[in-house]
Amino acid sequence: MKNLIIINNPLVKRDVTYLRDKRTKEYQFRLALRRISFILASEIAKQEFRTVECEVETPLEKTIGHSLEHQIVLVPVLRAGLSMVNSFVEMIPNAKVGHIGMERNEKTLEPRTYYYKTPKELNTSKTIVLDPMLATGGSASAAFSFLKQKGARDCSLACLISAPEGVRKMERDHPDVKIYTAVLDRELNENGYILPGLGDAGDRTFGTL
């Protein structure tokens, strides 16, 4: 799993425990997910972003500062990925945000794209797909295939919980995509859900259990 980067942070480990706990209320779940997303954004920036020098004038004198070299495009996978967007936008205020709607057939476990809208400059931007759960990897792989068809070249994935099966599929289908995750779980069950996991991230975020 050479493309997998697990965030080793005590605060992330604590908040993953909150997310796993079935007693955690919706508002607590959202707050924990938000905090983890801040740290994911920071880690991705440290590993992936480059800066260029620029001149800035302080109240006392001119000095050299830094700005991001590339446009950042965030693409949450609907709907669960929406829960990660605000944290990333707060960390990267100049980021543009696209959306891709993917849904999984619960019988075949195959993904289907039902909505797509992104900025036009994908070919010159750094694209970060946001999706809390990397389970079978079908939806993530399909999302990146779709984005690459639209011109995306420099891509990475930010997720909370990953399964080995999903990581392996992503590495087979998209060996150029780095995967940033809070934790790598044990396996998938017969229904394609991550074990031990945290249930359905979308349902637990939006209270649609």
C-alpha atoms as a PDB file:
ATOM      1  CA  MET A   1       0.000   0.000   0.000  1.00  0.00           C
ATOM      2  CA  LYS A   2       2.640   2.456  -1.136  1.00  0.00           C
ATOM      3  CA  ASN A   3       0.128   5.221  -1.909  1.00  0.00           C
ATOM      4  CA  LEU A   4      -1.556   5.124   1.513  1.00  0.00           C
ATOM      5  CA  ILE A   5      -0.658   7.805   4.065  1.00  0.00           C
ATOM      6  CA  ILE A   6      -2.173   7.287   7.531  1.00  0.00           C
ATOM      7  CA  ILE A   7      -2.323  10.429   9.664  1.00  0.00           C
ATOM      8  CA  ASN A   8      -0.535   9.683  12.928  1.00  0.00           C
ATOM      9  CA  ASN A   9      -1.966  12.263  15.302  1.00  0.00           C
ATOM     10  CA  PRO A  10      -3.287  11.757  18.866  1.00  0.00           C
ATOM     11  CA  LEU A  11      -6.209  14.115  18.264  1.00  0.00           C
ATOM     12  CA  VAL A  12      -7.220  12.187  15.153  1.00  0.00           C
ATOM     13  CA  LYS A  13      -7.096   8.894  17.069  1.00  0.00           C
ATOM     14  CA  ARG A  14      -9.295  10.376  19.781  1.00  0.00           C
ATOM     15  CA  ASP A  15     -11.830  11.725  17.291  1.00  0.00           C
ATOM     16  CA  VAL A  16     -11.952   8.482  15.292  1.00  0.00           C
ATOM     17  CA  THR A  17     -13.029   6.833  18.551  1.00  0.00           C
ATOM     18  CA  TYR A  18     -15.868   9.372  18.865  1.00  0.00           C
ATOM     19  CA  LEU A  19     -16.916   8.585  15.293  1.00  0.00           C
ATOM     20  CA  ARG A  20     -16.950   4.837  15.918  1.00  0.00           C
ATOM     21  CA  ASP A  21     -19.051   5.039  19.083  1.00  0.00           C
ATOM     22  CA  LYS A  22     -22.690   4.258  18.251  1.00  0.00           C
ATOM     23  CA  ARG A  23     -23.760   6.488  21.161  1.00  0.00           C
ATOM     24  CA  THR A  24     -22.260   9.602  19.537  1.00  0.00           C
ATOM     25  CA  LYS A  25     -24.990  12.101  18.612  1.00  0.00           C
ATOM     26  CA  GLU A  26     -25.219  13.745  15.199  1.00  0.00           C
ATOM     27  CA  TYR A  27     -23.811  17.088  16.346  1.00  0.00           C
ATOM     28  CA  GLN A  28     -20.910  15.363  18.127  1.00  0.00           C
ATOM     29  CA  PHE A  29     -20.254  13.251  15.036  1.00  0.00           C
ATOM     30  CA  ARG A  30     -20.175  16.327  12.806  1.00  0.00           C
ATOM     31  CA  LEU A  31     -17.784  18.165  15.133  1.00  0.00           C
ATOM     32  CA  ALA A  32     -15.369  15.225  15.335  1.00  0.00           C
ATOM     33  CA  LEU A  33     -15.464  14.783  11.560  1.00  0.00           C
ATOM     34  CA  ARG A  34     -14.823  18.500  11.154  1.00  0.00           C
ATOM     35  CA  ARG A  35     -11.786  18.401  13.441  1.00  0.00           C
ATOM     36  CA  ILE A  36     -10.284  15.412  11.624  1.00  0.00           C
ATOM     37  CA  SER A  37     -10.849  17.152   8.285  1.00  0.00           C
ATOM     38  CA  PHE A  38      -8.839  20.180   9.465  1.00  0.00           C
ATOM     39  CA  ILE A  39      -5.898  17.908  10.252  1.00  0.00           C
ATOM     40  CA  LEU A  40      -6.263  16.028   6.960  1.00  0.00           C
ATOM     41  CA  ALA A  41      -6.188  19.332   5.067  1.00  0.00           C
ATOM     42  CA  SER A  42      -3.065  20.389   6.936  1.00  0.00           C
ATOM     43  CA  GLU A  43      -1.297  17.082   6.288  1.00  0.00           C
ATOM     44  CA  ILE A  44      -2.150  17.091   2.586  1.00  0.00           C
ATOM     45  CA  ALA A  45      -0.884  20.668   2.302  1.00  0.00           C
ATOM     46  CA  LYS A  46       2.391  19.717   3.979  1.00  0.00           C
ATOM     47  CA  GLN A  47       2.916  16.764   1.642  1.00  0.00           C
ATOM     48  CA  GLU A  48       1.445  18.021  -1.636  1.00  0.00           C
ATOM     49  CA  PHE A  49       1.360  21.814  -1.885  1.00  0.00           C
ATOM     50  CA  ARG A  50       4.128  24.053  -3.182  1.00  0.00           C
ATOM     51  CA  THR A  51       4.489  27.807  -2.736  1.00  0.00           C
ATOM     52  CA  VAL A  52       5.954  30.681  -4.694  1.00  0.00           C
ATOM     53  CA  GLU A  53       7.429  33.834  -3.242  1.00  0.00           C
ATOM     54  CA  CYS A  54       5.506  37.081  -3.401  1.00  0.00           C
ATOM     55  CA  GLU A  55       6.056  40.581  -2.100  1.00  0.00           C
ATOM     56  CA  VAL A  56       3.931  41.841   0.774  1.00  0.00           C
ATOM     57  CA  GLU A  57       3.970  45.165   2.578  1.00  0.00           C
ATOM     58  CA  THR A  58       3.709  45.072   6.365  1.00  0.00           C
ATOM     59  CA  PRO A  59       2.838  48.193   8.407  1.00  0.00           C
ATOM     60  CA  LEU A  60       6.620  48.712   8.709  1.00  0.00           C
ATOM     61  CA  GLU A  61       8.265  47.561   5.486  1.00  0.00           C
ATOM     62  CA  LYS A  62       8.107  45.349   2.432  1.00  0.00           C
ATOM     63  CA  THR A  63       9.028  41.693   2.823  1.00  0.00           C
ATOM     64  CA  ILE A  64       8.794  38.370   1.026  1.00  0.00           C
ATOM     65  CA  GLY A  65       5.788  36.136   1.647  1.00  0.00           C
ATOM     66  CA  HIS A  66       4.411  33.017   0.025  1.00  0.00           C
ATOM     67  CA  SER A  67       1.338  32.037  -1.965  1.00  0.00           C
ATOM     68  CA  LEU A  68       0.197  28.643  -3.221  1.00  0.00           C
ATOM     69  CA  GLU A  69       1.651  27.750  -6.596  1.00  0.00           C
ATOM     70  CA  HIS A  70      -1.425  25.949  -7.937  1.00  0.00           C
ATOM     71  CA  GLN A  71      -5.162  26.389  -7.849  1.00  0.00           C
ATOM     72  CA  ILE A  72      -6.756  23.875  -5.465  1.00  0.00           C
ATOM     73  CA  VAL A  73     -10.035  22.205  -6.450  1.00  0.00           C
ATOM     74  CA  LEU A  74     -11.985  20.295  -3.820  1.00  0.00           C
ATOM     75  CA  VAL A  75     -14.445  17.678  -5.059  1.00  0.00           C
ATOM     76  CA  PRO A  76     -16.667  16.145  -2.364  1.00  0.00           C
ATOM     77  CA  VAL A  77     -18.403  12.923  -3.317  1.00  0.00           C
ATOM     78  CA  LEU A  78     -22.098  13.479  -2.563  1.00  0.00           C
ATOM     79  CA  ARG A  79     -23.416  13.335  -0.075  1.00  0.00           C
ATOM     80  CA  ALA A  80     -21.090  12.289   2.745  1.00  0.00           C
ATOM     81  CA  GLY A  81     -18.167  14.230   1.281  1.00  0.00           C
ATOM     82  CA  LEU A  82     -20.028  17.477   1.957  1.00  0.00           C
ATOM     83  CA  SER A  83     -19.265  17.034   5.645  1.00  0.00           C
ATOM     84  CA  MET A  84     -15.552  17.587   4.958  1.00  0.00           C
ATOM     85  CA  VAL A  85     -15.796  20.627   2.690  1.00  0.00           C
ATOM     86  CA  ASN A  86     -16.068  23.456   5.234  1.00  0.00           C
ATOM     87  CA  SER A  87     -12.916  22.430   7.084  1.00  0.00           C
ATOM     88  CA  PHE A  88     -10.913  22.249   3.865  1.00  0.00           C
ATOM     89  CA  VAL A  89     -12.269  25.589   2.634  1.00  0.00           C
ATOM     90  CA  GLU A  90     -11.395  27.264   5.932  1.00  0.00           C
ATOM     91  CA  MET A  91      -7.840  25.968   5.578  1.00  0.00           C
ATOM     92  CA  ILE A  92      -7.673  26.770   1.827  1.00  0.00           C
ATOM     93  CA  PRO A  93      -9.899  29.854   1.356  1.00  0.00           C
ATOM     94  CA  ASN A  94      -8.998  30.273  -2.323  1.00  0.00           C
ATOM     95  CA  ALA A  95      -9.972  26.711  -3.181  1.00  0.00           C
ATOM     96  CA  LYS A  96     -12.691  26.122  -5.742  1.00  0.00           C
ATOM     97  CA  VAL A  97     -15.304  23.470  -5.058  1.00  0.00           C
ATOM     98  CA  GLY A  98     -16.835  21.024  -7.493  1.00  0.00           C
ATOM     99  CA  HIS A  99     -19.283  18.204  -6.785  1.00  0.00           C
ATOM    100  CA  ILE A 100     -19.662  14.665  -8.013  1.00  0.00           C
ATOM    101  CA  GLY A 101     -22.642  12.508  -7.133  1.00  0.00           C
ATOM    102  CA  MET A 102     -21.918   8.807  -6.836  1.00  0.00           C
ATOM    103  CA  GLU A 103     -24.277   6.184  -5.476  1.00  0.00           C
ATOM    104  CA  ARG A 104     -23.651   2.504  -4.876  1.00  0.00           C
ATOM    105  CA  ASN A 105     -25.999  -0.237  -5.994  1.00  0.00           C
ATOM    106  CA  GLU A 106     -26.469  -2.152  -2.751  1.00  0.00           C
ATOM    107  CA  LYS A 107     -26.800  -5.452  -4.623  1.00  0.00           C
ATOM    108  CA  THR A 108     -23.936  -5.225  -7.104  1.00  0.00           C
ATOM    109  CA  LEU A 109     -21.866  -2.729  -5.033  1.00  0.00           C
ATOM    110  CA  GLU A 110     -21.097  -0.939  -8.339  1.00  0.00           C
ATOM    111  CA  PRO A 111     -21.106   2.890  -8.434  1.00  0.00           C
ATOM    112  CA  ARG A 112     -23.207   5.134 -10.659  1.00  0.00           C
ATOM    113  CA  THR A 113     -22.578   8.824 -11.394  1.00  0.00           C
ATOM    114  CA  TYR A 114     -25.749  10.914 -11.148  1.00  0.00           C
ATOM    115  CA  TYR A 115     -24.351  14.467 -10.827  1.00  0.00           C
ATOM    116  CA  TYR A 116     -21.195  16.284 -11.909  1.00  0.00           C
ATOM    117  CA  LYS A 117     -20.129  19.929 -11.751  1.00  0.00           C
ATOM    118  CA  THR A 118     -16.558  21.178 -11.331  1.00  0.00           C
ATOM    119  CA  PRO A 119     -14.458  24.208 -12.267  1.00  0.00           C
ATOM    120  CA  LYS A 120     -12.992  24.127 -15.758  1.00  0.00           C
ATOM    121  CA  GLU A 121      -9.303  24.391 -14.797  1.00  0.00           C
ATOM    122  CA  LEU A 122      -8.860  20.787 -13.657  1.00  0.00           C
ATOM    123  CA  ASN A 123      -5.893  20.212 -15.957  1.00  0.00           C
ATOM    124  CA  THR A 124      -3.826  22.931 -14.237  1.00  0.00           C
ATOM    125  CA  SER A 125      -5.152  22.491 -10.694  1.00  0.00           C
ATOM    126  CA  LYS A 126      -4.473  20.165  -7.805  1.00  0.00           C
ATOM    127  CA  THR A 127      -7.666  18.154  -7.289  1.00  0.00           C
ATOM    128  CA  ILE A 128      -8.557  16.716  -3.886  1.00  0.00           C
ATOM    129  CA  VAL A 129     -11.500  14.317  -3.693  1.00  0.00           C
ATOM    130  CA  LEU A 130     -13.249  14.288  -0.322  1.00  0.00           C
ATOM    131  CA  ASP A 131     -15.051  11.129   0.782  1.00  0.00           C
ATOM    132  CA  PRO A 132     -15.214   9.934   4.408  1.00  0.00           C
ATOM    133  CA  MET A 133     -15.298   6.199   3.589  1.00  0.00           C
ATOM    134  CA  LEU A 134     -13.045   4.230   1.249  1.00  0.00           C
ATOM    135  CA  ALA A 135     -14.776   0.837   1.330  1.00  0.00           C
ATOM    136  CA  THR A 136     -14.797  -1.263  -1.859  1.00  0.00           C
ATOM    137  CA  GLY A 137     -13.079   1.585  -3.688  1.00  0.00           C
ATOM    138  CA  GLY A 138     -15.614   1.417  -6.504  1.00  0.00           C
ATOM    139  CA  SER A 139     -17.032   4.900  -6.035  1.00  0.00           C
ATOM    140  CA  ALA A 140     -13.639   6.511  -5.456  1.00  0.00           C
ATOM    141  CA  SER A 141     -12.134   4.822  -8.510  1.00  0.00           C
ATOM    142  CA  ALA A 142     -15.096   5.812 -10.674  1.00  0.00           C
ATOM    143  CA  ALA A 143     -14.910   9.397  -9.396  1.00  0.00           C
ATOM    144  CA  PHE A 144     -11.235   9.707 -10.324  1.00  0.00           C
ATOM    145  CA  SER A 145     -11.829   8.102 -13.728  1.00  0.00           C
ATOM    146  CA  PHE A 146     -14.571  10.637 -14.377  1.00  0.00           C
ATOM    147  CA  LEU A 147     -12.421  13.563 -13.190  1.00  0.00           C
ATOM    148  CA  LYS A 148      -9.471  12.450 -15.306  1.00  0.00           C
ATOM    149  CA  GLN A 149     -11.729  12.299 -18.360  1.00  0.00           C
ATOM    150  CA  LYS A 150     -12.551  15.955 -17.626  1.00  0.00           C
ATOM    151  CA  GLY A 151      -8.861  16.862 -17.496  1.00  0.00           C
ATOM    152  CA  ALA A 152      -7.754  16.317 -13.871  1.00  0.00           C
ATOM    153  CA  ARG A 153      -4.088  15.298 -13.683  1.00  0.00           C
ATOM    154  CA  ASP A 154      -2.745  16.039 -10.198  1.00  0.00           C
ATOM    155  CA  CYS A 155      -5.090  14.224  -7.812  1.00  0.00           C
ATOM    156  CA  SER A 156      -5.295  12.960  -4.236  1.00  0.00           C
ATOM    157  CA  LEU A 157      -7.978  11.464  -1.993  1.00  0.00           C
ATOM    158  CA  ALA A 158      -8.857  12.521   1.563  1.00  0.00           C
ATOM    159  CA  CYS A 159     -10.908  10.086   3.637  1.00  0.00           C
ATOM    160  CA  LEU A 160     -11.530   9.194   7.268  1.00  0.00           C
ATOM    161  CA  ILE A 161     -11.765   5.399   7.263  1.00  0.00           C
ATOM    162  CA  SER A 162     -10.203   3.065   4.687  1.00  0.00           C
ATOM    163  CA  ALA A 163     -10.533  -0.652   4.044  1.00  0.00           C
ATOM    164  CA  PRO A 164      -7.661  -2.679   2.556  1.00  0.00           C
ATOM    165  CA  GLU A 165      -9.891  -3.744  -0.346  1.00  0.00           C
ATOM    166  CA  GLY A 166     -10.568  -0.137  -1.312  1.00  0.00           C
ATOM    167  CA  VAL A 167      -6.941   0.873  -1.031  1.00  0.00           C
ATOM    168  CA  ARG A 168      -5.863  -2.018  -3.245  1.00  0.00           C
ATOM    169  CA  LYS A 169      -8.479  -1.158  -5.892  1.00  0.00           C
ATOM    170  CA  MET A 170      -7.390   2.474  -5.934  1.00  0.00           C
ATOM    171  CA  GLU A 171      -3.753   1.462  -6.300  1.00  0.00           C
ATOM    172  CA  ARG A 172      -4.636  -0.849  -9.193  1.00  0.00           C
ATOM    173  CA  ASP A 173      -6.869   1.632 -10.999  1.00  0.00           C
ATOM    174  CA  HIS A 174      -5.113   4.903 -10.090  1.00  0.00           C
ATOM    175  CA  PRO A 175      -1.510   4.299  -9.039  1.00  0.00           C
ATOM    176  CA  ASP A 176      -0.805   8.031  -9.350  1.00  0.00           C
ATOM    177  CA  VAL A 177      -3.290   9.032  -6.604  1.00  0.00           C
ATOM    178  CA  LYS A 178      -2.111   9.413  -3.004  1.00  0.00           C
ATOM    179  CA  ILE A 179      -4.641   8.388  -0.343  1.00  0.00           C
ATOM    180  CA  TYR A 180      -4.688  10.304   2.943  1.00  0.00           C
ATOM    181  CA  THR A 181      -6.697   8.638   5.700  1.00  0.00           C
ATOM    182  CA  ALA A 182      -7.209   8.804   9.449  1.00  0.00           C
ATOM    183  CA  VAL A 183      -7.214   5.024   9.897  1.00  0.00           C
ATOM    184  CA  LEU A 184      -6.933   1.758   7.961  1.00  0.00           C
ATOM    185  CA  ASP A 185      -9.546  -0.725   9.184  1.00  0.00           C
ATOM    186  CA  ARG A 186      -9.540  -4.526   9.067  1.00  0.00           C
ATOM    187  CA  GLU A 187     -11.832  -5.597   6.215  1.00  0.00           C
ATOM    188  CA  LEU A 188     -15.221  -5.363   4.532  1.00  0.00           C
ATOM    189  CA  ASN A 189     -18.203  -7.470   5.514  1.00  0.00           C
ATOM    190  CA  GLU A 190     -20.387  -9.361   3.040  1.00  0.00           C
ATOM    191  CA  ASN A 191     -22.414  -6.191   2.392  1.00  0.00           C
ATOM    192  CA  GLY A 192     -19.378  -4.066   1.579  1.00  0.00           C
ATOM    193  CA  TYR A 193     -19.323  -2.166   4.874  1.00  0.00           C
ATOM    194  CA  ILE A 194     -16.055  -1.430   6.649  1.00  0.00           C
ATOM    195  CA  LEU A 195     -15.259  -3.383   9.840  1.00  0.00           C
ATOM    196  CA  PRO A 196     -14.998  -2.220  12.560  1.00  0.00           C
ATOM    197  CA  GLY A 197     -15.899   1.022  10.781  1.00  0.00           C
ATOM    198  CA  LEU A 198     -18.373   3.595  12.010  1.00  0.00           C
ATOM    199  CA  GLY A 199     -21.552   2.732  10.135  1.00  0.00           C
ATOM    200  CA  ASP A 200     -22.741   4.946   7.277  1.00  0.00           C
ATOM    201  CA  ALA A 201     -20.952   8.317   7.504  1.00  0.00           C
ATOM    202  CA  GLY A 202     -23.648  10.138   5.533  1.00  0.00           C
ATOM    203  CA  ASP A 203     -26.496   8.811   7.656  1.00  0.00           C
ATOM    204  CA  ARG A 204     -24.684   9.569  10.888  1.00  0.00           C
ATOM    205  CA  THR A 205     -23.712  13.072   9.750  1.00  0.00           C
ATOM    206  CA  PHE A 206     -27.147  14.088   8.515  1.00  0.00           C
ATOM    207  CA  GLY A 207     -29.297  12.088  10.932  1.00  0.00           C
ATOM    208  CA  THR A 208     -30.938   9.902   8.294  1.00  0.00           C
ATOM    209  CA  LEU A 209     -30.506   6.564  10.052  1.00  0.00           C
END
